[in-house]
Amino acid sequence: NERIRRITSIAIVACATALSASAQITDRPRPAEWDKLIPGGKYVDRFE
């Protein structure tokens, strides 16, 4: 069907990009309301 087209996906993956080592990390500020979450209120609290 003409509506169905095969698209060859071009793998654009972050680890393939020639970045400097310093570009591997950046700090993301957390919303102030996250400080009010109770223990168990974050998904990360599920890890045992």
All heavy atoms as atom14 arrays in JSON, in Angstrom:
{
  "sequence": "NERIRRITSIAIVACATALSASAQITDRPRPAEWDKLIPGGKYVDRFE",
  "atom14_mask": [
    [1, 1, 1, 1, 1, 1, 1, 1, 0, 0, 0, 0, 0, 0],
    [1, 1, 1, 1, 1, 1, 1, 1, 1, 0, 0, 0, 0, 0],
    [1, 1, 1, 1, 1, 1, 1, 1, 1, 1, 1, 0, 0, 0],
    [1, 1, 1, 1, 1, 1, 1, 1, 0, 0, 0, 0, 0, 0],
    [1, 1, 1, 1, 1, 1, 1, 1, 1, 1, 1, 0, 0, 0],
    [1, 1, 1, 1, 1, 1, 1, 1, 1, 1, 1, 0, 0, 0],
    [1, 1, 1, 1, 1, 1, 1, 1, 0, 0, 0, 0, 0, 0],
    [1, 1, 1, 1, 1, 1, 1, 0, 0, 0, 0, 0, 0, 0],
    [1, 1, 1, 1, 1, 1, 0, 0, 0, 0, 0, 0, 0, 0],
    [1, 1, 1, 1, 1, 1, 1, 1, 0, 0, 0, 0, 0, 0],
    [1, 1, 1, 1, 1, 0, 0, 0, 0, 0, 0, 0, 0, 0],
    [1, 1, 1, 1, 1, 1, 1, 1, 0, 0, 0, 0, 0, 0],
    [1, 1, 1, 1, 1, 1, 1, 0, 0, 0, 0, 0, 0, 0],
    [1, 1, 1, 1, 1, 0, 0, 0, 0, 0, 0, 0, 0, 0],
    [1, 1, 1, 1, 1, 1, 0, 0, 0, 0, 0, 0, 0, 0],
    [1, 1, 1, 1, 1, 0, 0, 0, 0, 0, 0, 0, 0, 0],
    [1, 1, 1, 1, 1, 1, 1, 0, 0, 0, 0, 0, 0, 0],
    [1, 1, 1, 1, 1, 0, 0, 0, 0, 0, 0, 0, 0, 0],
    [1, 1, 1, 1, 1, 1, 1, 1, 0, 0, 0, 0, 0, 0],
    [1, 1, 1, 1, 1, 1, 0, 0, 0, 0, 0, 0, 0, 0],
    [1, 1, 1, 1, 1, 0, 0, 0, 0, 0, 0, 0, 0, 0],
    [1, 1, 1, 1, 1, 1, 0, 0, 0, 0, 0, 0, 0, 0],
    [1, 1, 1, 1, 1, 0, 0, 0, 0, 0, 0, 0, 0, 0],
    [1, 1, 1, 1, 1, 1, 1, 1, 1, 0, 0, 0, 0, 0],
    [1, 1, 1, 1, 1, 1, 1, 1, 0, 0, 0, 0, 0, 0],
    [1, 1, 1, 1, 1, 1, 1, 0, 0, 0, 0, 0, 0, 0],
    [1, 1, 1, 1, 1, 1, 1, 1, 0, 0, 0, 0, 0, 0],
    [1, 1, 1, 1, 1, 1, 1, 1, 1, 1, 1, 0, 0, 0],
    [1, 1, 1, 1, 1, 1, 1, 0, 0, 0, 0, 0, 0, 0],
    [1, 1, 1, 1, 1, 1, 1, 1, 1, 1, 1, 0, 0, 0],
    [1, 1, 1, 1, 1, 1, 1, 0, 0, 0, 0, 0, 0, 0],
    [1, 1, 1, 1, 1, 0, 0, 0, 0, 0, 0, 0, 0, 0],
    [1, 1, 1, 1, 1, 1, 1, 1, 1, 0, 0, 0, 0, 0],
    [1, 1, 1, 1, 1, 1, 1, 1, 1, 1, 1, 1, 1, 1],
    [1, 1, 1, 1, 1, 1, 1, 1, 0, 0, 0, 0, 0, 0],
    [1, 1, 1, 1, 1, 1, 1, 1, 1, 0, 0, 0, 0, 0],
    [1, 1, 1, 1, 1, 1, 1, 1, 0, 0, 0, 0, 0, 0],
    [1, 1, 1, 1, 1, 1, 1, 1, 0, 0, 0, 0, 0, 0],
    [1, 1, 1, 1, 1, 1, 1, 0, 0, 0, 0, 0, 0, 0],
    [1, 1, 1, 1, 0, 0, 0, 0, 0, 0, 0, 0, 0, 0],
    [1, 1, 1, 1, 0, 0, 0, 0, 0, 0, 0, 0, 0, 0],
    [1, 1, 1, 1, 1, 1, 1, 1, 1, 0, 0, 0, 0, 0],
    [1, 1, 1, 1, 1, 1, 1, 1, 1, 1, 1, 1, 0, 0],
    [1, 1, 1, 1, 1, 1, 1, 0, 0, 0, 0, 0, 0, 0],
    [1, 1, 1, 1, 1, 1, 1, 1, 0, 0, 0, 0, 0, 0],
    [1, 1, 1, 1, 1, 1, 1, 1, 1, 1, 1, 0, 0, 0],
    [1, 1, 1, 1, 1, 1, 1, 1, 1, 1, 1, 0, 0, 0],
    [1, 1, 1, 1, 1, 1, 1, 1, 1, 0, 0, 0, 0, 0]
  ],
  "atom14_positions": [
    [[0.83, -1.19, 0.0], [0.0, 0.0, 0.0], [0.87, 1.24, 0.0], [1.88, 1.33, 0.68], [-0.9, -0.01, 1.25], [-1.97, 1.05, 1.19], [-1.69, 2.24, 1.03], [-3.21, 0.61, 1.39], [0.0, 0.0, 0.0], [0.0, 0.0, 0.0], [0.0, 0.0, 0.0], [0.0, 0.0, 0.0], [0.0, 0.0, 0.0], [0.0, 0.0, 0.0]],
    [[0.45, 2.25, -0.8], [1.25, 3.48, -0.91], [1.32, 4.21, 0.41], [2.24, 5.0, 0.62], [0.67, 4.39, -1.98], [0.82, 3.84, -3.41], [0.33, 4.81, -4.45], [-0.16, 5.89, -4.06], [0.42, 4.5, -5.65], [0.0, 0.0, 0.0], [0.0, 0.0, 0.0], [0.0, 0.0, 0.0], [0.0, 0.0, 0.0], [0.0, 0.0, 0.0]],
    [[0.36, 3.98, 1.3], [0.4, 4.63, 2.6], [1.49, 4.04, 3.48], [1.9, 4.63, 4.46], [-0.97, 4.48, 3.31], [-2.09, 5.24, 2.64], [-2.0, 6.69, 2.96], [-2.16, 6.95, 4.37], [-1.86, 8.12, 4.95], [-1.39, 9.1, 4.24], [-2.04, 8.28, 6.26], [0.0, 0.0, 0.0], [0.0, 0.0, 0.0], [0.0, 0.0, 0.0]],
    [[1.93, 2.85, 3.18], [2.96, 2.18, 3.96], [4.29, 2.37, 3.28], [4.53, 1.88, 2.2], [2.66, 0.69, 4.12], [1.25, 0.47, 4.7], [3.72, 0.03, 4.97], [1.07, 1.02, 6.07], [0.0, 0.0, 0.0], [0.0, 0.0, 0.0], [0.0, 0.0, 0.0], [0.0, 0.0, 0.0], [0.0, 0.0, 0.0], [0.0, 0.0, 0.0]],
    [[5.18, 3.07, 3.9], [6.5, 3.31, 3.35], [7.55, 2.69, 4.24], [7.49, 2.8, 5.47], [6.76, 4.8, 3.21], [5.87, 5.51, 2.23], [6.27, 6.96, 2.12], [5.98, 7.67, 3.37], [6.54, 8.8, 3.7], [7.47, 9.33, 2.95], [6.22, 9.41, 4.83], [0.0, 0.0, 0.0], [0.0, 0.0, 0.0], [0.0, 0.0, 0.0]],
    [[8.53, 2.05, 3.65], [9.65, 1.55, 4.42], [10.64, 2.67, 4.63], [11.1, 3.29, 3.68], [10.31, 0.37, 3.71], [11.59, -0.08, 4.4], [11.99, -1.45, 3.98], [11.02, -2.42, 4.5], [11.09, -3.71, 4.24], [12.03, -4.18, 3.49], [10.19, -4.53, 4.73], [0.0, 0.0, 0.0], [0.0, 0.0, 0.0], [0.0, 0.0, 0.0]],
    [[10.92, 2.92, 5.85], [11.82, 4.0, 6.2], [13.06, 3.42, 6.84], [12.99, 2.71, 7.84], [11.15, 4.99, 7.17], [9.88, 5.57, 6.51], [12.11, 6.1, 7.56], [9.04, 6.35, 7.45], [0.0, 0.0, 0.0], [0.0, 0.0, 0.0], [0.0, 0.0, 0.0], [0.0, 0.0, 0.0], [0.0, 0.0, 0.0], [0.0, 0.0, 0.0]],
    [[14.19, 3.63, 6.25], [15.45, 3.19, 6.82], [15.85, 4.15, 7.92], [16.14, 5.3, 7.68], [16.55, 3.14, 5.75], [16.15, 2.26, 4.71], [17.85, 2.64, 6.37], [0.0, 0.0, 0.0], [0.0, 0.0, 0.0], [0.0, 0.0, 0.0], [0.0, 0.0, 0.0], [0.0, 0.0, 0.0], [0.0, 0.0, 0.0], [0.0, 0.0, 0.0]],
    [[15.78, 3.69, 9.12], [16.09, 4.55, 10.25], [17.59, 4.79, 10.32], [18.4, 3.88, 10.2], [15.58, 3.94, 11.56], [16.18, 2.8, 11.84], [0.0, 0.0, 0.0], [0.0, 0.0, 0.0], [0.0, 0.0, 0.0], [0.0, 0.0, 0.0], [0.0, 0.0, 0.0], [0.0, 0.0, 0.0], [0.0, 0.0, 0.0], [0.0, 0.0, 0.0]],
    [[17.95, 6.0, 10.5], [19.34, 6.39, 10.69], [19.61, 6.44, 12.18], [18.98, 7.18, 12.92], [19.62, 7.76, 10.05], [19.32, 7.7, 8.55], [21.08, 8.16, 10.29], [19.45, 9.04, 7.86], [0.0, 0.0, 0.0], [0.0, 0.0, 0.0], [0.0, 0.0, 0.0], [0.0, 0.0, 0.0], [0.0, 0.0, 0.0], [0.0, 0.0, 0.0]],
    [[20.49, 5.59, 12.62], [20.76, 5.5, 14.05], [21.51, 6.72, 14.52], [22.72, 6.85, 14.33], [21.57, 4.24, 14.36], [0.0, 0.0, 0.0], [0.0, 0.0, 0.0], [0.0, 0.0, 0.0], [0.0, 0.0, 0.0], [0.0, 0.0, 0.0], [0.0, 0.0, 0.0], [0.0, 0.0, 0.0], [0.0, 0.0, 0.0], [0.0, 0.0, 0.0]],
    [[20.76, 7.63, 15.1], [21.38, 8.8, 15.67], [21.39, 8.59, 17.17], [20.42, 8.84, 17.86], [20.62, 10.09, 15.31], [20.48, 10.21, 13.79], [21.34, 11.3, 15.88], [19.62, 11.36, 13.35], [0.0, 0.0, 0.0], [0.0, 0.0, 0.0], [0.0, 0.0, 0.0], [0.0, 0.0, 0.0], [0.0, 0.0, 0.0], [0.0, 0.0, 0.0]],
    [[22.48, 8.09, 17.66], [22.6, 7.69, 19.05], [23.58, 8.61, 19.75], [24.62, 8.93, 19.21], [23.05, 6.22, 19.16], [23.09, 5.78, 20.61], [22.12, 5.32, 18.35], [0.0, 0.0, 0.0], [0.0, 0.0, 0.0], [0.0, 0.0, 0.0], [0.0, 0.0, 0.0], [0.0, 0.0, 0.0], [0.0, 0.0, 0.0], [0.0, 0.0, 0.0]],
    [[23.2, 8.97, 20.96], [24.0, 9.96, 21.67], [25.46, 9.56, 21.81], [26.35, 10.4, 21.66], [23.4, 10.21, 23.04], [0.0, 0.0, 0.0], [0.0, 0.0, 0.0], [0.0, 0.0, 0.0], [0.0, 0.0, 0.0], [0.0, 0.0, 0.0], [0.0, 0.0, 0.0], [0.0, 0.0, 0.0], [0.0, 0.0, 0.0], [0.0, 0.0, 0.0]],
    [[25.71, 8.26, 22.06], [27.09, 7.87, 22.31], [27.92, 7.88, 21.04], [29.13, 7.69, 21.1], [27.15, 6.49, 22.94], [26.46, 5.18, 21.94], [0.0, 0.0, 0.0], [0.0, 0.0, 0.0], [0.0, 0.0, 0.0], [0.0, 0.0, 0.0], [0.0, 0.0, 0.0], [0.0, 0.0, 0.0], [0.0, 0.0, 0.0], [0.0, 0.0, 0.0]],
    [[27.33, 8.12, 19.9], [28.1, 8.19, 18.67], [28.59, 9.59, 18.36], [29.41, 9.8, 17.49], [27.28, 7.68, 17.49], [0.0, 0.0, 0.0], [0.0, 0.0, 0.0], [0.0, 0.0, 0.0], [0.0, 0.0, 0.0], [0.0, 0.0, 0.0], [0.0, 0.0, 0.0], [0.0, 0.0, 0.0], [0.0, 0.0, 0.0], [0.0, 0.0, 0.0]],
    [[28.06, 10.54, 19.05], [28.42, 11.92, 18.81], [29.74, 12.26, 19.46], [29.99, 11.93, 20.61], [27.33, 12.86, 19.35], [26.07, 12.46, 18.82], [27.6, 14.29, 18.94], [0.0, 0.0, 0.0], [0.0, 0.0, 0.0], [0.0, 0.0, 0.0], [0.0, 0.0, 0.0], [0.0, 0.0, 0.0], [0.0, 0.0, 0.0], [0.0, 0.0, 0.0]],
    [[30.64, 12.9, 18.69], [31.97, 13.21, 19.2], [31.93, 14.39, 20.16], [32.15, 15.53, 19.8], [32.92, 13.52, 18.04], [0.0, 0.0, 0.0], [0.0, 0.0, 0.0], [0.0, 0.0, 0.0], [0.0, 0.0, 0.0], [0.0, 0.0, 0.0], [0.0, 0.0, 0.0], [0.0, 0.0, 0.0], [0.0, 0.0, 0.0], [0.0, 0.0, 0.0]],
    [[31.6, 14.1, 21.39], [31.54, 15.13, 22.41], [32.78, 15.07, 23.27], [33.44, 14.05, 23.38], [30.3, 14.92, 23.3], [28.94, 14.94, 22.6], [27.85, 14.59, 23.61], [28.66, 16.29, 22.0], [0.0, 0.0, 0.0], [0.0, 0.0, 0.0], [0.0, 0.0, 0.0], [0.0, 0.0, 0.0], [0.0, 0.0, 0.0], [0.0, 0.0, 0.0]],
    [[33.08, 16.14, 23.87], [34.18, 16.16, 24.83], [33.76, 15.47, 26.1], [32.58, 15.3, 26.39], [34.58, 17.61, 25.13], [33.54, 18.27, 25.83], [0.0, 0.0, 0.0], [0.0, 0.0, 0.0], [0.0, 0.0, 0.0], [0.0, 0.0, 0.0], [0.0, 0.0, 0.0], [0.0, 0.0, 0.0], [0.0, 0.0, 0.0], [0.0, 0.0, 0.0]],
    [[34.72, 15.04, 26.88], [34.42, 14.36, 28.13], [33.57, 15.23, 29.04], [32.65, 14.75, 29.7], [35.71, 13.95, 28.82], [0.0, 0.0, 0.0], [0.0, 0.0, 0.0], [0.0, 0.0, 0.0], [0.0, 0.0, 0.0], [0.0, 0.0, 0.0], [0.0, 0.0, 0.0], [0.0, 0.0, 0.0], [0.0, 0.0, 0.0], [0.0, 0.0, 0.0]],
    [[33.84, 16.52, 29.07], [33.1, 17.42, 29.95], [31.64, 17.54, 29.55], [30.81, 17.97, 30.34], [33.76, 18.8, 29.96], [33.73, 19.38, 28.64], [0.0, 0.0, 0.0], [0.0, 0.0, 0.0], [0.0, 0.0, 0.0], [0.0, 0.0, 0.0], [0.0, 0.0, 0.0], [0.0, 0.0, 0.0], [0.0, 0.0, 0.0], [0.0, 0.0, 0.0]],
    [[31.31, 17.17, 28.3], [29.94, 17.28, 27.82], [29.1, 16.07, 28.2], [27.93, 15.99, 27.82], [29.91, 17.47, 26.31], [0.0, 0.0, 0.0], [0.0, 0.0, 0.0], [0.0, 0.0, 0.0], [0.0, 0.0, 0.0], [0.0, 0.0, 0.0], [0.0, 0.0, 0.0], [0.0, 0.0, 0.0], [0.0, 0.0, 0.0], [0.0, 0.0, 0.0]],
    [[29.66, 15.13, 28.95], [28.93, 13.94, 29.34], [28.05, 14.16, 30.57], [27.23, 13.32, 30.9], [29.91, 12.8, 29.62], [30.54, 12.21, 28.37], [29.64, 11.22, 27.7], [29.23, 10.22, 28.26], [29.34, 11.48, 26.46], [0.0, 0.0, 0.0], [0.0, 0.0, 0.0], [0.0, 0.0, 0.0], [0.0, 0.0, 0.0], [0.0, 0.0, 0.0]],
    [[28.23, 15.29, 31.25], [27.48, 15.57, 32.46], [27.05, 17.03, 32.48], [27.81, 17.91, 32.08], [28.31, 15.3, 33.73], [28.85, 13.89, 33.77], [27.47, 15.54, 34.97], [29.77, 13.64, 34.96], [0.0, 0.0, 0.0], [0.0, 0.0, 0.0], [0.0, 0.0, 0.0], [0.0, 0.0, 0.0], [0.0, 0.0, 0.0], [0.0, 0.0, 0.0]],
    [[25.84, 17.27, 32.95], [25.41, 18.62, 33.29], [24.46, 18.51, 34.47], [23.81, 17.48, 34.67], [24.72, 19.31, 32.1], [24.54, 20.7, 32.41], [23.35, 18.71, 31.82], [0.0, 0.0, 0.0], [0.0, 0.0, 0.0], [0.0, 0.0, 0.0], [0.0, 0.0, 0.0], [0.0, 0.0, 0.0], [0.0, 0.0, 0.0], [0.0, 0.0, 0.0]],
    [[24.38, 19.56, 35.27], [23.5, 19.56, 36.42], [22.12, 20.08, 36.02], [21.99, 21.14, 35.42], [24.06, 20.44, 37.55], [25.29, 19.83, 38.2], [25.35, 18.59, 38.29], [26.18, 20.61, 38.6], [0.0, 0.0, 0.0], [0.0, 0.0, 0.0], [0.0, 0.0, 0.0], [0.0, 0.0, 0.0], [0.0, 0.0, 0.0], [0.0, 0.0, 0.0]],
    [[21.09, 19.31, 36.35], [19.72, 19.74, 36.11], [19.1, 20.17, 37.44], [19.02, 19.37, 38.37], [18.89, 18.59, 35.53], [19.41, 18.01, 34.23], [19.26, 18.94, 33.07], [19.49, 18.22, 31.81], [19.81, 18.8, 30.68], [19.93, 20.12, 30.62], [20.0, 18.08, 29.57], [0.0, 0.0, 0.0], [0.0, 0.0, 0.0], [0.0, 0.0, 0.0]],
    [[18.68, 21.43, 37.56], [18.04, 21.86, 38.81], [16.72, 21.13, 39.03], [15.95, 20.91, 38.09], [17.81, 23.36, 38.58], [17.8, 23.54, 37.1], [18.75, 22.52, 36.56], [0.0, 0.0, 0.0], [0.0, 0.0, 0.0], [0.0, 0.0, 0.0], [0.0, 0.0, 0.0], [0.0, 0.0, 0.0], [0.0, 0.0, 0.0], [0.0, 0.0, 0.0]],
    [[16.47, 20.7, 40.27], [15.22, 20.04, 40.62], [14.19, 21.06, 41.05], [14.54, 22.05, 41.73], [15.44, 19.04, 41.76], [15.92, 17.66, 41.38], [16.97, 17.46, 40.43], [17.48, 16.07, 40.43], [18.45, 15.64, 39.67], [19.03, 16.47, 38.79], [18.85, 14.37, 39.74], [0.0, 0.0, 0.0], [0.0, 0.0, 0.0], [0.0, 0.0, 0.0]],
    [[12.91, 20.85, 40.71], [11.86, 21.73, 41.21], [11.81, 21.75, 42.73], [12.03, 20.72, 43.39], [10.57, 21.12, 40.62], [11.03, 20.32, 39.44], [12.39, 19.81, 39.8], [0.0, 0.0, 0.0], [0.0, 0.0, 0.0], [0.0, 0.0, 0.0], [0.0, 0.0, 0.0], [0.0, 0.0, 0.0], [0.0, 0.0, 0.0], [0.0, 0.0, 0.0]],
    [[11.51, 22.89, 43.3], [11.5, 23.03, 44.76], [10.49, 22.09, 45.41], [10.7, 21.6, 46.52], [11.19, 24.48, 45.13], [0.0, 0.0, 0.0], [0.0, 0.0, 0.0], [0.0, 0.0, 0.0], [0.0, 0.0, 0.0], [0.0, 0.0, 0.0], [0.0, 0.0, 0.0], [0.0, 0.0, 0.0], [0.0, 0.0, 0.0], [0.0, 0.0, 0.0]],
    [[9.37, 21.79, 44.72], [8.34, 20.93, 45.3], [8.84, 19.51, 45.54], [8.29, 18.79, 46.38], [7.1, 20.89, 44.41], [7.31, 20.23, 43.06], [6.0, 19.98, 42.31], [4.93, 20.07, 42.93], [6.07, 19.67, 41.1], [0.0, 0.0, 0.0], [0.0, 0.0, 0.0], [0.0, 0.0, 0.0], [0.0, 0.0, 0.0], [0.0, 0.0, 0.0]],
    [[9.88, 19.08, 44.8], [10.39, 17.73, 45.0], [10.96, 17.54, 46.4], [11.02, 16.41, 46.9], [11.46, 17.4, 43.95], [10.93, 17.21, 42.57], [9.68, 17.56, 42.1], [11.62, 16.63, 41.47], [9.56, 17.24, 40.76], [10.74, 16.66, 40.36], [12.89, 16.1, 41.3], [11.11, 16.17, 39.1], [13.26, 15.6, 40.06], [12.36, 15.66, 38.97]],
    [[11.37, 18.62, 47.04], [11.91, 18.53, 48.39], [10.83, 18.11, 49.4], [11.14, 17.66, 50.5], [12.52, 19.86, 48.82], [13.75, 20.24, 48.01], [14.42, 19.32, 47.48], [14.04, 21.45, 47.9], [0.0, 0.0, 0.0], [0.0, 0.0, 0.0], [0.0, 0.0, 0.0], [0.0, 0.0, 0.0], [0.0, 0.0, 0.0], [0.0, 0.0, 0.0]],
    [[9.57, 18.26, 49.01], [8.46, 17.95, 49.91], [7.92, 16.54, 49.73], [7.0, 16.14, 50.46], [7.33, 18.97, 49.7], [7.75, 20.42, 49.96], [6.62, 21.38, 49.67], [7.05, 22.83, 49.88], [5.95, 23.79, 49.58], [0.0, 0.0, 0.0], [0.0, 0.0, 0.0], [0.0, 0.0, 0.0], [0.0, 0.0, 0.0], [0.0, 0.0, 0.0]],
    [[8.48, 15.78, 48.8], [8.05, 14.4, 48.59], [8.42, 13.54, 49.79], [9.5, 13.68, 50.35], [8.68, 13.83, 47.32], [8.19, 14.42, 46.0], [9.17, 14.1, 44.86], [6.8, 13.89, 45.67], [0.0, 0.0, 0.0], [0.0, 0.0, 0.0], [0.0, 0.0, 0.0], [0.0, 0.0, 0.0], [0.0, 0.0, 0.0], [0.0, 0.0, 0.0]],
    [[7.51, 12.65, 50.16], [7.78, 11.78, 51.3], [8.59, 10.57, 50.85], [8.63, 10.25, 49.65], [6.46, 11.32, 51.95], [5.64, 10.47, 50.97], [5.65, 12.52, 52.45], [4.44, 9.81, 51.58], [0.0, 0.0, 0.0], [0.0, 0.0, 0.0], [0.0, 0.0, 0.0], [0.0, 0.0, 0.0], [0.0, 0.0, 0.0], [0.0, 0.0, 0.0]],
    [[9.24, 9.85, 51.79], [9.9, 8.6, 51.42], [8.91, 7.64, 50.77], [7.83, 7.38, 51.31], [10.4, 8.06, 52.76], [10.56, 9.28, 53.61], [9.46, 10.21, 53.2], [0.0, 0.0, 0.0], [0.0, 0.0, 0.0], [0.0, 0.0, 0.0], [0.0, 0.0, 0.0], [0.0, 0.0, 0.0], [0.0, 0.0, 0.0], [0.0, 0.0, 0.0]],
    [[9.25, 7.14, 49.6], [8.34, 6.32, 48.82], [7.59, 7.1, 47.77], [6.91, 6.52, 46.93], [0.0, 0.0, 0.0], [0.0, 0.0, 0.0], [0.0, 0.0, 0.0], [0.0, 0.0, 0.0], [0.0, 0.0, 0.0], [0.0, 0.0, 0.0], [0.0, 0.0, 0.0], [0.0, 0.0, 0.0], [0.0, 0.0, 0.0], [0.0, 0.0, 0.0]],
    [[7.71, 8.43, 47.79], [7.0, 9.27, 46.85], [7.67, 9.42, 45.5], [7.08, 9.97, 44.58], [0.0, 0.0, 0.0], [0.0, 0.0, 0.0], [0.0, 0.0, 0.0], [0.0, 0.0, 0.0], [0.0, 0.0, 0.0], [0.0, 0.0, 0.0], [0.0, 0.0, 0.0], [0.0, 0.0, 0.0], [0.0, 0.0, 0.0], [0.0, 0.0, 0.0]],
    [[8.91, 8.93, 45.37], [9.63, 8.96, 44.1], [9.76, 7.54, 43.57], [9.9, 6.6, 44.34], [11.03, 9.56, 44.27], [11.09, 10.94, 44.89], [12.54, 11.35, 45.07], [12.67, 12.68, 45.77], [14.11, 13.06, 45.97], [0.0, 0.0, 0.0], [0.0, 0.0, 0.0], [0.0, 0.0, 0.0], [0.0, 0.0, 0.0], [0.0, 0.0, 0.0]],
    [[9.79, 7.4, 42.25], [9.99, 6.08, 41.68], [11.33, 5.48, 42.12], [11.44, 4.28, 42.35], [9.91, 6.1, 40.15], [9.67, 4.72, 39.57], [8.39, 4.26, 39.33], [10.72, 3.86, 39.29], [8.17, 2.98, 38.84], [10.51, 2.58, 38.79], [9.23, 2.15, 38.57], [9.0, 0.88, 38.09], [0.0, 0.0, 0.0], [0.0, 0.0, 0.0]],
    [[12.35, 6.33, 42.27], [13.67, 5.85, 42.65], [13.65, 5.15, 44.01], [14.51, 4.32, 44.29], [14.69, 7.01, 42.64], [14.43, 7.97, 43.8], [16.12, 6.5, 42.67], [0.0, 0.0, 0.0], [0.0, 0.0, 0.0], [0.0, 0.0, 0.0], [0.0, 0.0, 0.0], [0.0, 0.0, 0.0], [0.0, 0.0, 0.0], [0.0, 0.0, 0.0]],
    [[12.64, 5.44, 44.83], [12.53, 4.81, 46.14], [12.15, 3.33, 46.04], [12.19, 2.61, 47.04], [11.5, 5.54, 47.01], [11.9, 6.97, 47.32], [13.11, 7.27, 47.33], [11.0, 7.81, 47.54], [0.0, 0.0, 0.0], [0.0, 0.0, 0.0], [0.0, 0.0, 0.0], [0.0, 0.0, 0.0], [0.0, 0.0, 0.0], [0.0, 0.0, 0.0]],
    [[11.74, 2.89, 44.87], [11.35, 1.49, 44.69], [12.55, 0.55, 44.6], [12.39, -0.67, 44.77], [10.51, 1.33, 43.43], [9.2, 2.1, 43.46], [8.47, 1.97, 42.16], [7.21, 2.7, 42.16], [6.06, 2.18, 41.77], [6.01, 0.94, 41.34], [4.95, 2.9, 41.8], [0.0, 0.0, 0.0], [0.0, 0.0, 0.0], [0.0, 0.0, 0.0]],
    [[13.73, 1.06, 44.31], [14.89, 0.19, 44.12], [15.34, -0.41, 45.45], [15.53, 0.28, 46.44], [16.04, 0.96, 43.47], [15.79, 1.29, 42.03], [15.25, 2.51, 41.66], [16.07, 0.37, 41.04], [15.01, 2.82, 40.34], [15.84, 0.67, 39.7], [15.3, 1.89, 39.35], [0.0, 0.0, 0.0], [0.0, 0.0, 0.0], [0.0, 0.0, 0.0]],
    [[15.54, -1.73, 45.43], [16.0, -2.43, 46.61], [17.46, -2.84, 46.45], [18.09, -2.59, 45.42], [15.11, -3.66, 46.86], [13.66, -3.29, 47.14], [12.83, -4.45, 47.64], [12.87, -5.52, 47.0], [12.17, -4.3, 48.69], [0.0, 0.0, 0.0], [0.0, 0.0, 0.0], [0.0, 0.0, 0.0], [0.0, 0.0, 0.0], [0.0, 0.0, 0.0]]
  ]
}
